[in-house]
N, C-alpha and C. Protein backbone atom coordinates (compact mmCIF):
# COMPACT_ATOMS: atom_id res chain seq x y z
N MET A 1 -3.94 -52.52 -49.74
CA MET A 1 -4.79 -53.01 -48.68
C MET A 1 -5.56 -51.88 -48.02
N GLN A 2 -5.74 -50.79 -48.71
CA GLN A 2 -6.46 -49.65 -48.16
C GLN A 2 -7.86 -50.07 -47.73
N GLN A 3 -8.20 -49.82 -46.49
CA GLN A 3 -9.50 -50.14 -45.94
C GLN A 3 -10.04 -48.88 -45.29
N GLN A 4 -11.31 -48.92 -44.92
CA GLN A 4 -11.87 -47.77 -44.22
C GLN A 4 -11.17 -47.57 -42.88
N LEU A 5 -10.85 -48.66 -42.17
CA LEU A 5 -10.13 -48.58 -40.91
C LEU A 5 -8.93 -49.51 -40.99
N THR A 6 -7.74 -48.96 -40.84
CA THR A 6 -6.52 -49.75 -40.82
C THR A 6 -6.00 -49.72 -39.39
N GLU A 7 -5.84 -50.91 -38.80
CA GLU A 7 -5.32 -51.02 -37.44
C GLU A 7 -3.96 -51.71 -37.49
N ILE A 8 -2.96 -51.04 -36.91
CA ILE A 8 -1.59 -51.53 -36.93
C ILE A 8 -1.12 -51.75 -35.50
N ARG A 9 -0.57 -52.93 -35.26
CA ARG A 9 0.04 -53.22 -33.95
C ARG A 9 1.54 -53.36 -34.16
N TRP A 10 2.30 -52.64 -33.38
CA TRP A 10 3.76 -52.63 -33.45
C TRP A 10 4.31 -53.43 -32.28
N HIS A 11 5.27 -54.31 -32.55
CA HIS A 11 5.98 -55.06 -31.51
C HIS A 11 7.45 -54.70 -31.58
N ALA A 12 8.03 -54.39 -30.44
CA ALA A 12 9.45 -54.03 -30.41
C ALA A 12 9.97 -54.19 -28.99
N ARG A 13 11.22 -53.85 -28.85
CA ARG A 13 11.82 -53.72 -27.53
C ARG A 13 11.95 -52.23 -27.25
N ALA A 14 11.81 -51.85 -25.99
CA ALA A 14 11.92 -50.44 -25.61
C ALA A 14 13.24 -49.88 -26.12
N GLY A 15 13.17 -48.75 -26.75
CA GLY A 15 14.36 -48.10 -27.28
C GLY A 15 14.56 -48.28 -28.77
N GLN A 16 13.71 -49.09 -29.42
CA GLN A 16 13.86 -49.32 -30.86
C GLN A 16 13.02 -48.36 -31.71
N GLY A 17 12.23 -47.52 -31.06
CA GLY A 17 11.49 -46.50 -31.81
C GLY A 17 10.11 -46.89 -32.28
N ALA A 18 9.50 -47.93 -31.73
CA ALA A 18 8.16 -48.33 -32.17
C ALA A 18 7.12 -47.26 -31.87
N VAL A 19 7.21 -46.63 -30.70
CA VAL A 19 6.24 -45.59 -30.34
C VAL A 19 6.38 -44.40 -31.30
N THR A 20 7.61 -44.03 -31.59
CA THR A 20 7.86 -42.95 -32.54
C THR A 20 7.33 -43.32 -33.93
N ALA A 21 7.57 -44.55 -34.36
CA ALA A 21 7.09 -45.00 -35.67
C ALA A 21 5.56 -44.97 -35.73
N ALA A 22 4.91 -45.44 -34.67
CA ALA A 22 3.44 -45.42 -34.63
C ALA A 22 2.92 -44.00 -34.78
N LYS A 23 3.57 -43.05 -34.11
CA LYS A 23 3.16 -41.65 -34.21
C LYS A 23 3.46 -41.07 -35.59
N LEU A 24 4.62 -41.40 -36.15
CA LEU A 24 4.97 -40.88 -37.48
C LEU A 24 3.99 -41.36 -38.54
N VAL A 25 3.60 -42.63 -38.45
CA VAL A 25 2.62 -43.16 -39.40
C VAL A 25 1.28 -42.44 -39.23
N ALA A 26 0.86 -42.24 -37.99
CA ALA A 26 -0.40 -41.55 -37.74
C ALA A 26 -0.34 -40.11 -38.23
N GLU A 27 0.76 -39.42 -37.96
CA GLU A 27 0.90 -38.03 -38.39
C GLU A 27 0.92 -37.90 -39.91
N THR A 28 1.55 -38.86 -40.58
CA THR A 28 1.57 -38.85 -42.04
C THR A 28 0.14 -38.99 -42.57
N ALA A 29 -0.62 -39.89 -41.97
CA ALA A 29 -2.02 -40.07 -42.39
C ALA A 29 -2.85 -38.82 -42.09
N LEU A 30 -2.57 -38.18 -40.96
CA LEU A 30 -3.29 -36.96 -40.60
C LEU A 30 -3.07 -35.87 -41.66
N GLU A 31 -1.86 -35.77 -42.17
CA GLU A 31 -1.59 -34.80 -43.24
C GLU A 31 -2.39 -35.10 -44.51
N LEU A 32 -2.85 -36.34 -44.64
CA LEU A 32 -3.67 -36.75 -45.78
C LEU A 32 -5.16 -36.66 -45.46
N ASP A 33 -5.49 -35.92 -44.40
CA ASP A 33 -6.87 -35.68 -43.97
C ASP A 33 -7.59 -36.94 -43.52
N ARG A 34 -6.85 -37.84 -42.90
CA ARG A 34 -7.47 -39.03 -42.32
C ARG A 34 -7.56 -38.86 -40.81
N TYR A 35 -8.42 -39.63 -40.21
CA TYR A 35 -8.54 -39.65 -38.75
C TYR A 35 -7.53 -40.65 -38.22
N ILE A 36 -6.97 -40.35 -37.05
CA ILE A 36 -5.87 -41.18 -36.54
C ILE A 36 -5.95 -41.40 -35.03
N GLN A 37 -5.26 -42.44 -34.59
CA GLN A 37 -4.93 -42.66 -33.18
C GLN A 37 -3.55 -43.31 -33.16
N ALA A 38 -2.75 -42.95 -32.18
CA ALA A 38 -1.47 -43.62 -31.96
C ALA A 38 -1.26 -43.67 -30.46
N MET A 39 -0.94 -44.87 -29.96
CA MET A 39 -0.77 -45.01 -28.51
C MET A 39 0.20 -46.12 -28.19
N PRO A 40 0.95 -45.96 -27.12
CA PRO A 40 1.87 -47.01 -26.68
C PRO A 40 1.25 -47.88 -25.59
N GLU A 41 1.82 -49.04 -25.40
CA GLU A 41 1.50 -49.88 -24.24
C GLU A 41 2.83 -50.39 -23.71
N TYR A 42 3.21 -49.90 -22.57
CA TYR A 42 4.49 -50.29 -21.99
C TYR A 42 4.28 -51.40 -20.98
N GLY A 43 5.20 -52.34 -20.99
CA GLY A 43 5.27 -53.34 -19.93
C GLY A 43 6.21 -52.77 -18.90
N PRO A 44 7.20 -53.57 -18.50
CA PRO A 44 8.22 -53.02 -17.59
C PRO A 44 8.96 -51.90 -18.32
N GLU A 45 9.05 -50.75 -17.70
CA GLU A 45 9.66 -49.61 -18.37
C GLU A 45 11.17 -49.64 -18.21
N ARG A 46 11.80 -50.51 -18.99
CA ARG A 46 13.26 -50.57 -18.99
C ARG A 46 13.72 -50.84 -20.41
N MET A 47 14.89 -50.35 -20.72
CA MET A 47 15.44 -50.52 -22.06
C MET A 47 15.50 -52.00 -22.41
N GLY A 48 15.00 -52.34 -23.59
CA GLY A 48 15.05 -53.72 -24.06
C GLY A 48 13.84 -54.56 -23.71
N ALA A 49 12.94 -54.05 -22.87
CA ALA A 49 11.74 -54.81 -22.51
C ALA A 49 10.77 -54.83 -23.71
N PRO A 50 10.03 -55.93 -23.90
CA PRO A 50 9.04 -55.97 -24.98
C PRO A 50 7.96 -54.91 -24.77
N ILE A 51 7.61 -54.21 -25.83
CA ILE A 51 6.54 -53.21 -25.79
C ILE A 51 5.66 -53.37 -27.02
N GLN A 52 4.51 -52.74 -26.95
CA GLN A 52 3.62 -52.66 -28.10
C GLN A 52 3.23 -51.19 -28.30
N ALA A 53 2.92 -50.87 -29.52
CA ALA A 53 2.34 -49.57 -29.84
C ALA A 53 1.24 -49.84 -30.86
N PHE A 54 0.34 -48.89 -31.00
CA PHE A 54 -0.82 -49.08 -31.86
C PHE A 54 -1.08 -47.84 -32.69
N THR A 55 -1.53 -48.05 -33.92
CA THR A 55 -1.92 -46.96 -34.81
C THR A 55 -3.24 -47.33 -35.47
N ARG A 56 -4.15 -46.39 -35.47
CA ARG A 56 -5.40 -46.54 -36.23
C ARG A 56 -5.47 -45.40 -37.24
N ILE A 57 -5.91 -45.75 -38.45
CA ILE A 57 -6.08 -44.77 -39.52
C ILE A 57 -7.42 -45.05 -40.18
N SER A 58 -8.20 -43.99 -40.36
CA SER A 58 -9.53 -44.17 -40.93
C SER A 58 -9.95 -42.96 -41.76
N GLU A 59 -10.80 -43.22 -42.73
CA GLU A 59 -11.41 -42.15 -43.51
C GLU A 59 -12.52 -41.46 -42.71
N ASP A 60 -13.04 -42.15 -41.71
CA ASP A 60 -14.14 -41.65 -40.89
C ASP A 60 -13.66 -41.47 -39.45
N PRO A 61 -14.38 -40.67 -38.65
CA PRO A 61 -13.99 -40.52 -37.25
C PRO A 61 -13.88 -41.88 -36.55
N ILE A 62 -12.90 -41.99 -35.68
CA ILE A 62 -12.65 -43.24 -34.95
C ILE A 62 -13.33 -43.13 -33.59
N GLU A 63 -14.21 -44.07 -33.33
CA GLU A 63 -14.98 -44.00 -32.08
C GLU A 63 -14.60 -45.08 -31.09
N ILE A 64 -13.58 -45.87 -31.39
CA ILE A 64 -13.10 -46.87 -30.44
C ILE A 64 -11.80 -46.36 -29.84
N HIS A 65 -11.60 -46.65 -28.57
CA HIS A 65 -10.44 -46.10 -27.86
C HIS A 65 -9.80 -47.16 -26.97
N ASN A 66 -9.45 -48.28 -27.56
CA ASN A 66 -8.79 -49.32 -26.79
C ASN A 66 -7.62 -49.86 -27.61
N ASN A 67 -6.86 -50.75 -26.99
CA ASN A 67 -5.76 -51.37 -27.72
C ASN A 67 -6.32 -52.18 -28.89
N ILE A 68 -5.48 -52.40 -29.86
CA ILE A 68 -5.91 -53.11 -31.06
C ILE A 68 -5.76 -54.61 -30.84
N GLU A 69 -6.87 -55.33 -30.92
CA GLU A 69 -6.86 -56.77 -30.68
C GLU A 69 -6.87 -57.58 -31.97
N HIS A 70 -7.37 -57.00 -33.06
CA HIS A 70 -7.45 -57.71 -34.34
C HIS A 70 -6.85 -56.82 -35.44
N PRO A 71 -5.52 -56.67 -35.40
CA PRO A 71 -4.88 -55.77 -36.36
C PRO A 71 -4.95 -56.28 -37.79
N SER A 72 -5.04 -55.35 -38.72
CA SER A 72 -4.92 -55.72 -40.12
C SER A 72 -3.45 -55.77 -40.52
N VAL A 73 -2.60 -55.11 -39.72
CA VAL A 73 -1.16 -55.09 -39.97
C VAL A 73 -0.43 -55.26 -38.65
N VAL A 74 0.61 -56.10 -38.65
CA VAL A 74 1.50 -56.26 -37.50
C VAL A 74 2.91 -55.96 -37.98
N VAL A 75 3.61 -55.09 -37.25
CA VAL A 75 4.98 -54.73 -37.58
C VAL A 75 5.86 -55.16 -36.41
N VAL A 76 6.87 -55.98 -36.69
CA VAL A 76 7.77 -56.51 -35.66
C VAL A 76 9.17 -55.94 -35.90
N LEU A 77 9.63 -55.10 -34.99
CA LEU A 77 10.93 -54.45 -35.15
C LEU A 77 12.10 -55.30 -34.67
N ASP A 78 11.81 -56.37 -33.93
CA ASP A 78 12.88 -57.20 -33.39
C ASP A 78 12.48 -58.66 -33.46
N GLU A 79 13.15 -59.41 -34.34
CA GLU A 79 12.77 -60.82 -34.53
C GLU A 79 13.02 -61.68 -33.30
N SER A 80 13.82 -61.21 -32.34
CA SER A 80 14.04 -61.99 -31.11
C SER A 80 12.76 -62.08 -30.28
N LEU A 81 11.75 -61.30 -30.61
CA LEU A 81 10.46 -61.38 -29.92
C LEU A 81 9.63 -62.57 -30.38
N LEU A 82 9.90 -63.09 -31.57
CA LEU A 82 9.05 -64.13 -32.15
C LEU A 82 8.88 -65.36 -31.24
N PRO A 83 9.93 -65.85 -30.56
CA PRO A 83 9.71 -67.01 -29.69
C PRO A 83 9.04 -66.68 -28.35
N ILE A 84 8.98 -65.40 -27.98
CA ILE A 84 8.46 -65.06 -26.65
C ILE A 84 7.15 -64.28 -26.65
N VAL A 85 6.77 -63.71 -27.80
CA VAL A 85 5.54 -62.93 -27.92
C VAL A 85 4.74 -63.47 -29.09
N ASP A 86 3.45 -63.71 -28.90
CA ASP A 86 2.60 -64.18 -29.99
C ASP A 86 2.21 -62.98 -30.84
N VAL A 87 3.11 -62.60 -31.76
CA VAL A 87 2.90 -61.40 -32.58
C VAL A 87 1.75 -61.56 -33.56
N THR A 88 1.35 -62.78 -33.84
CA THR A 88 0.25 -63.02 -34.78
C THR A 88 -1.11 -63.05 -34.10
N SER A 89 -1.15 -62.92 -32.80
CA SER A 89 -2.41 -62.98 -32.06
C SER A 89 -3.44 -62.01 -32.63
N GLY A 90 -4.58 -62.55 -33.02
CA GLY A 90 -5.69 -61.73 -33.50
C GLY A 90 -5.52 -61.14 -34.89
N LEU A 91 -4.46 -61.52 -35.62
CA LEU A 91 -4.26 -60.96 -36.96
C LEU A 91 -5.52 -61.18 -37.79
N ALA A 92 -6.02 -60.11 -38.36
CA ALA A 92 -7.25 -60.17 -39.15
C ALA A 92 -7.05 -61.05 -40.38
N PRO A 93 -8.12 -61.69 -40.86
CA PRO A 93 -8.01 -62.47 -42.09
C PRO A 93 -7.46 -61.60 -43.23
N GLY A 94 -6.51 -62.14 -43.96
CA GLY A 94 -5.88 -61.40 -45.04
C GLY A 94 -4.92 -60.33 -44.56
N GLY A 95 -4.57 -60.38 -43.28
CA GLY A 95 -3.70 -59.37 -42.69
C GLY A 95 -2.27 -59.45 -43.19
N VAL A 96 -1.50 -58.44 -42.82
CA VAL A 96 -0.10 -58.31 -43.22
C VAL A 96 0.77 -58.34 -41.97
N ILE A 97 1.84 -59.12 -41.99
CA ILE A 97 2.82 -59.10 -40.91
C ILE A 97 4.18 -58.83 -41.53
N ILE A 98 4.87 -57.81 -41.00
CA ILE A 98 6.18 -57.39 -41.50
C ILE A 98 7.18 -57.56 -40.38
N VAL A 99 8.25 -58.29 -40.65
CA VAL A 99 9.25 -58.57 -39.61
C VAL A 99 10.62 -58.06 -40.06
N ASN A 100 11.31 -57.42 -39.13
CA ASN A 100 12.70 -57.00 -39.34
C ASN A 100 13.57 -58.24 -39.16
N THR A 101 13.99 -58.82 -40.28
CA THR A 101 14.77 -60.05 -40.25
C THR A 101 15.49 -60.25 -41.57
N CYS A 102 16.52 -61.10 -41.53
CA CYS A 102 17.21 -61.53 -42.76
C CYS A 102 16.49 -62.73 -43.38
N SER A 103 15.62 -63.37 -42.63
CA SER A 103 14.94 -64.58 -43.10
C SER A 103 13.98 -64.26 -44.24
N ALA A 104 13.83 -65.21 -45.13
CA ALA A 104 12.90 -65.06 -46.25
C ALA A 104 11.45 -65.17 -45.75
N PRO A 105 10.51 -64.55 -46.46
CA PRO A 105 9.11 -64.64 -46.06
C PRO A 105 8.60 -66.07 -45.91
N ALA A 106 9.03 -66.99 -46.77
CA ALA A 106 8.57 -68.38 -46.67
C ALA A 106 9.02 -69.02 -45.36
N VAL A 107 10.23 -68.71 -44.93
CA VAL A 107 10.73 -69.23 -43.64
C VAL A 107 9.92 -68.63 -42.50
N LEU A 108 9.67 -67.34 -42.55
CA LEU A 108 8.86 -66.68 -41.52
C LEU A 108 7.46 -67.27 -41.44
N ARG A 109 6.87 -67.53 -42.60
CA ARG A 109 5.51 -68.08 -42.63
C ARG A 109 5.44 -69.37 -41.84
N SER A 110 6.43 -70.25 -42.03
CA SER A 110 6.41 -71.52 -41.29
C SER A 110 6.67 -71.31 -39.81
N VAL A 111 7.54 -70.36 -39.45
CA VAL A 111 7.82 -70.07 -38.04
C VAL A 111 6.58 -69.49 -37.37
N LEU A 112 5.90 -68.58 -38.06
CA LEU A 112 4.76 -67.89 -37.47
C LEU A 112 3.48 -68.72 -37.50
N GLY A 113 3.37 -69.62 -38.46
CA GLY A 113 2.17 -70.45 -38.55
C GLY A 113 0.91 -69.66 -38.87
N VAL A 114 1.01 -68.65 -39.71
CA VAL A 114 -0.15 -67.82 -40.05
C VAL A 114 -0.97 -68.47 -41.16
N ALA A 115 -2.20 -68.01 -41.30
CA ALA A 115 -3.10 -68.53 -42.32
C ALA A 115 -2.54 -68.25 -43.71
N ASP A 116 -2.97 -69.06 -44.66
CA ASP A 116 -2.48 -68.92 -46.04
C ASP A 116 -2.85 -67.57 -46.66
N ASP A 117 -3.95 -66.96 -46.20
CA ASP A 117 -4.36 -65.69 -46.80
C ASP A 117 -3.60 -64.48 -46.24
N ALA A 118 -2.78 -64.70 -45.21
CA ALA A 118 -1.99 -63.60 -44.64
C ALA A 118 -0.79 -63.30 -45.54
N VAL A 119 -0.42 -62.04 -45.59
CA VAL A 119 0.79 -61.62 -46.29
C VAL A 119 1.91 -61.59 -45.25
N VAL A 120 2.99 -62.33 -45.51
CA VAL A 120 4.13 -62.36 -44.61
C VAL A 120 5.29 -61.69 -45.34
N ALA A 121 5.88 -60.69 -44.68
CA ALA A 121 6.94 -59.93 -45.33
C ALA A 121 8.15 -59.80 -44.42
N SER A 122 9.31 -59.68 -45.06
CA SER A 122 10.54 -59.47 -44.31
C SER A 122 11.36 -58.38 -44.96
N VAL A 123 12.07 -57.66 -44.11
CA VAL A 123 13.00 -56.64 -44.56
C VAL A 123 14.09 -56.56 -43.49
N ASP A 124 15.34 -56.42 -43.92
CA ASP A 124 16.45 -56.34 -42.98
C ASP A 124 16.62 -54.88 -42.55
N ALA A 125 15.70 -54.41 -41.74
CA ALA A 125 15.68 -53.00 -41.32
C ALA A 125 16.88 -52.66 -40.45
N SER A 126 17.39 -53.62 -39.70
CA SER A 126 18.56 -53.34 -38.86
C SER A 126 19.79 -53.03 -39.71
N THR A 127 20.03 -53.84 -40.74
CA THR A 127 21.17 -53.56 -41.62
C THR A 127 20.96 -52.26 -42.37
N ILE A 128 19.74 -52.02 -42.84
CA ILE A 128 19.45 -50.76 -43.55
C ILE A 128 19.74 -49.57 -42.64
N SER A 129 19.29 -49.66 -41.39
CA SER A 129 19.52 -48.52 -40.48
C SER A 129 21.00 -48.37 -40.13
N GLN A 130 21.71 -49.49 -40.00
CA GLN A 130 23.16 -49.41 -39.76
C GLN A 130 23.85 -48.72 -40.93
N ASP A 131 23.45 -49.07 -42.14
CA ASP A 131 24.08 -48.50 -43.34
C ASP A 131 23.74 -47.02 -43.53
N THR A 132 22.51 -46.64 -43.24
CA THR A 132 22.06 -45.27 -43.54
C THR A 132 22.15 -44.35 -42.32
N LEU A 133 21.72 -44.84 -41.17
CA LEU A 133 21.67 -44.02 -39.96
C LEU A 133 22.90 -44.19 -39.06
N LYS A 134 23.69 -45.21 -39.38
CA LYS A 134 24.91 -45.53 -38.62
C LYS A 134 24.62 -46.03 -37.21
N ARG A 135 23.41 -46.58 -37.01
CA ARG A 135 23.04 -47.23 -35.75
C ARG A 135 21.83 -48.12 -35.99
N ASP A 136 21.63 -49.08 -35.10
CA ASP A 136 20.51 -50.01 -35.24
C ASP A 136 19.24 -49.37 -34.69
N MET A 137 18.52 -48.67 -35.57
CA MET A 137 17.25 -48.03 -35.23
C MET A 137 16.29 -48.38 -36.35
N PRO A 138 15.63 -49.56 -36.25
CA PRO A 138 14.85 -50.09 -37.37
C PRO A 138 13.50 -49.44 -37.61
N ASN A 139 13.11 -48.47 -36.81
CA ASN A 139 11.75 -47.94 -36.94
C ASN A 139 11.48 -47.24 -38.26
N THR A 140 12.36 -46.34 -38.72
CA THR A 140 12.05 -45.65 -39.97
C THR A 140 12.11 -46.58 -41.18
N PRO A 141 13.07 -47.51 -41.26
CA PRO A 141 12.99 -48.43 -42.40
C PRO A 141 11.67 -49.24 -42.41
N MET A 142 11.20 -49.62 -41.25
CA MET A 142 9.96 -50.40 -41.19
C MET A 142 8.76 -49.59 -41.71
N ILE A 143 8.81 -48.26 -41.57
CA ILE A 143 7.75 -47.43 -42.11
C ILE A 143 7.76 -47.50 -43.64
N GLY A 144 8.94 -47.57 -44.24
CA GLY A 144 9.03 -47.73 -45.69
C GLY A 144 8.41 -49.03 -46.15
N ALA A 145 8.72 -50.12 -45.43
CA ALA A 145 8.13 -51.42 -45.77
C ALA A 145 6.61 -51.39 -45.60
N LEU A 146 6.15 -50.76 -44.54
CA LEU A 146 4.71 -50.63 -44.28
C LEU A 146 4.02 -49.88 -45.42
N ALA A 147 4.63 -48.79 -45.87
CA ALA A 147 4.04 -48.01 -46.97
C ALA A 147 3.93 -48.86 -48.23
N LYS A 148 4.96 -49.62 -48.53
CA LYS A 148 4.96 -50.46 -49.74
C LYS A 148 3.87 -51.52 -49.69
N LEU A 149 3.73 -52.19 -48.54
CA LEU A 149 2.83 -53.34 -48.45
C LEU A 149 1.37 -52.98 -48.23
N THR A 150 1.11 -51.80 -47.68
CA THR A 150 -0.28 -51.47 -47.36
C THR A 150 -0.88 -50.40 -48.26
N GLY A 151 -0.05 -49.54 -48.83
CA GLY A 151 -0.57 -48.46 -49.65
C GLY A 151 -1.30 -47.39 -48.87
N ILE A 152 -1.12 -47.35 -47.54
CA ILE A 152 -1.82 -46.32 -46.76
C ILE A 152 -1.30 -44.93 -47.06
N PHE A 153 -0.08 -44.86 -47.56
CA PHE A 153 0.47 -43.63 -48.10
C PHE A 153 1.61 -44.00 -49.03
N THR A 154 2.03 -43.04 -49.84
CA THR A 154 3.09 -43.31 -50.81
C THR A 154 4.45 -43.07 -50.17
N LEU A 155 5.47 -43.54 -50.83
CA LEU A 155 6.84 -43.30 -50.39
C LEU A 155 7.11 -41.80 -50.33
N GLU A 156 6.64 -41.08 -51.32
CA GLU A 156 6.85 -39.62 -51.34
C GLU A 156 6.15 -38.94 -50.16
N GLN A 157 4.95 -39.39 -49.84
CA GLN A 157 4.22 -38.78 -48.72
C GLN A 157 4.93 -39.00 -47.40
N VAL A 158 5.42 -40.20 -47.15
CA VAL A 158 6.12 -40.45 -45.89
C VAL A 158 7.46 -39.73 -45.87
N SER A 159 8.16 -39.69 -46.99
CA SER A 159 9.43 -38.97 -47.05
C SER A 159 9.23 -37.48 -46.80
N ASP A 160 8.19 -36.91 -47.39
CA ASP A 160 7.88 -35.49 -47.16
C ASP A 160 7.58 -35.22 -45.70
N HIS A 161 6.81 -36.13 -45.08
CA HIS A 161 6.48 -35.94 -43.66
C HIS A 161 7.73 -36.04 -42.79
N LEU A 162 8.58 -37.01 -43.07
CA LEU A 162 9.83 -37.14 -42.30
C LEU A 162 10.66 -35.87 -42.42
N ALA A 163 10.80 -35.36 -43.63
CA ALA A 163 11.60 -34.15 -43.84
C ALA A 163 11.02 -32.97 -43.05
N LYS A 164 9.70 -32.84 -43.08
CA LYS A 164 9.04 -31.74 -42.37
C LYS A 164 9.17 -31.90 -40.85
N THR A 165 8.90 -33.10 -40.34
CA THR A 165 8.93 -33.33 -38.90
C THR A 165 10.36 -33.29 -38.35
N PHE A 166 11.26 -34.00 -39.02
CA PHE A 166 12.64 -34.05 -38.53
C PHE A 166 13.37 -32.74 -38.77
N GLY A 167 12.92 -31.95 -39.74
CA GLY A 167 13.55 -30.67 -40.03
C GLY A 167 13.50 -29.70 -38.86
N LYS A 168 12.58 -29.92 -37.93
CA LYS A 168 12.43 -29.05 -36.77
C LYS A 168 13.52 -29.27 -35.73
N LYS A 169 14.16 -30.48 -35.76
CA LYS A 169 15.12 -30.75 -34.69
C LYS A 169 16.39 -31.46 -35.12
N PHE A 170 16.49 -31.85 -36.40
CA PHE A 170 17.67 -32.58 -36.85
C PHE A 170 18.33 -31.89 -38.03
N SER A 171 19.58 -32.22 -38.26
CA SER A 171 20.32 -31.68 -39.39
C SER A 171 19.82 -32.28 -40.70
N GLN A 172 20.17 -31.64 -41.81
CA GLN A 172 19.80 -32.16 -43.12
C GLN A 172 20.40 -33.54 -43.35
N GLU A 173 21.57 -33.78 -42.80
CA GLU A 173 22.22 -35.08 -42.94
C GLU A 173 21.38 -36.20 -42.28
N VAL A 174 20.84 -35.91 -41.12
CA VAL A 174 19.99 -36.89 -40.42
C VAL A 174 18.69 -37.09 -41.18
N ILE A 175 18.11 -36.03 -41.68
CA ILE A 175 16.88 -36.13 -42.47
C ILE A 175 17.12 -36.99 -43.70
N ASP A 176 18.19 -36.69 -44.43
CA ASP A 176 18.52 -37.45 -45.64
C ASP A 176 18.75 -38.92 -45.34
N ALA A 177 19.42 -39.22 -44.22
CA ALA A 177 19.67 -40.61 -43.84
C ALA A 177 18.37 -41.35 -43.56
N ASN A 178 17.43 -40.69 -42.89
CA ASN A 178 16.14 -41.32 -42.59
C ASN A 178 15.32 -41.54 -43.85
N VAL A 179 15.34 -40.57 -44.75
CA VAL A 179 14.62 -40.73 -46.02
C VAL A 179 15.26 -41.87 -46.82
N ALA A 180 16.58 -41.97 -46.79
CA ALA A 180 17.27 -43.07 -47.48
C ALA A 180 16.90 -44.41 -46.87
N ALA A 181 16.77 -44.47 -45.54
CA ALA A 181 16.39 -45.72 -44.86
C ALA A 181 14.98 -46.15 -45.26
N VAL A 182 14.05 -45.20 -45.27
CA VAL A 182 12.67 -45.49 -45.66
C VAL A 182 12.62 -45.98 -47.11
N THR A 183 13.32 -45.27 -47.98
CA THR A 183 13.33 -45.61 -49.40
C THR A 183 13.92 -46.99 -49.65
N ARG A 184 15.03 -47.28 -48.99
CA ARG A 184 15.68 -48.57 -49.20
C ARG A 184 14.78 -49.72 -48.71
N ALA A 185 14.15 -49.56 -47.56
CA ALA A 185 13.25 -50.61 -47.06
C ALA A 185 12.04 -50.78 -47.99
N TYR A 186 11.53 -49.69 -48.51
CA TYR A 186 10.42 -49.72 -49.45
C TYR A 186 10.81 -50.57 -50.67
N GLU A 187 12.04 -50.41 -51.13
CA GLU A 187 12.51 -51.14 -52.30
C GLU A 187 12.90 -52.58 -51.99
N GLU A 188 13.37 -52.87 -50.79
CA GLU A 188 13.92 -54.18 -50.47
C GLU A 188 12.97 -55.15 -49.78
N VAL A 189 11.84 -54.66 -49.26
CA VAL A 189 10.93 -55.57 -48.56
C VAL A 189 10.46 -56.67 -49.50
N GLN A 190 10.37 -57.88 -48.98
CA GLN A 190 9.91 -59.05 -49.74
C GLN A 190 8.69 -59.63 -49.04
N ALA A 191 7.74 -60.10 -49.82
CA ALA A 191 6.51 -60.65 -49.25
C ALA A 191 6.09 -61.92 -49.97
N SER A 192 5.37 -62.75 -49.22
CA SER A 192 4.77 -63.95 -49.83
C SER A 192 3.37 -64.14 -49.29
């Protein structure tokens, strides 16, 4: 789904790492000589409150500086947001929505009510993060799913960026766990 401008809107609860994921995706694209923006939008600043983050990636300079209203990709880190937040709002035609859930993409499609041309994907990022990171931190697995479904970068490119970025402040064990989480989500994401 590589386009000249890729706009990603992230939905999560505070503390799940959506802002970090938005930045990691932008930084990975920057290493590939693309233009980027990454920004958060906080509601009530308390743990567990719904938040949004945004990432823009482009081959050309980005001259818009506002929140993303018509994303080509929506990433939902917490499926409990689905009944309370309209995560599909403004989804571009042919857009991609990725949800951290055990539910199959066909079930999600009916719950979300998206257009037939939208790609609906699911990955159990919480279980993946529990297995690899030993805690429920779905942000890095969701980056793996995003890479698989959009092609904005390869699995190797995101893994290399994680190793480089996390190598500055985390042990090799933590780096390896995050790369394993990204890789597993890349392999396990399902779409319809």
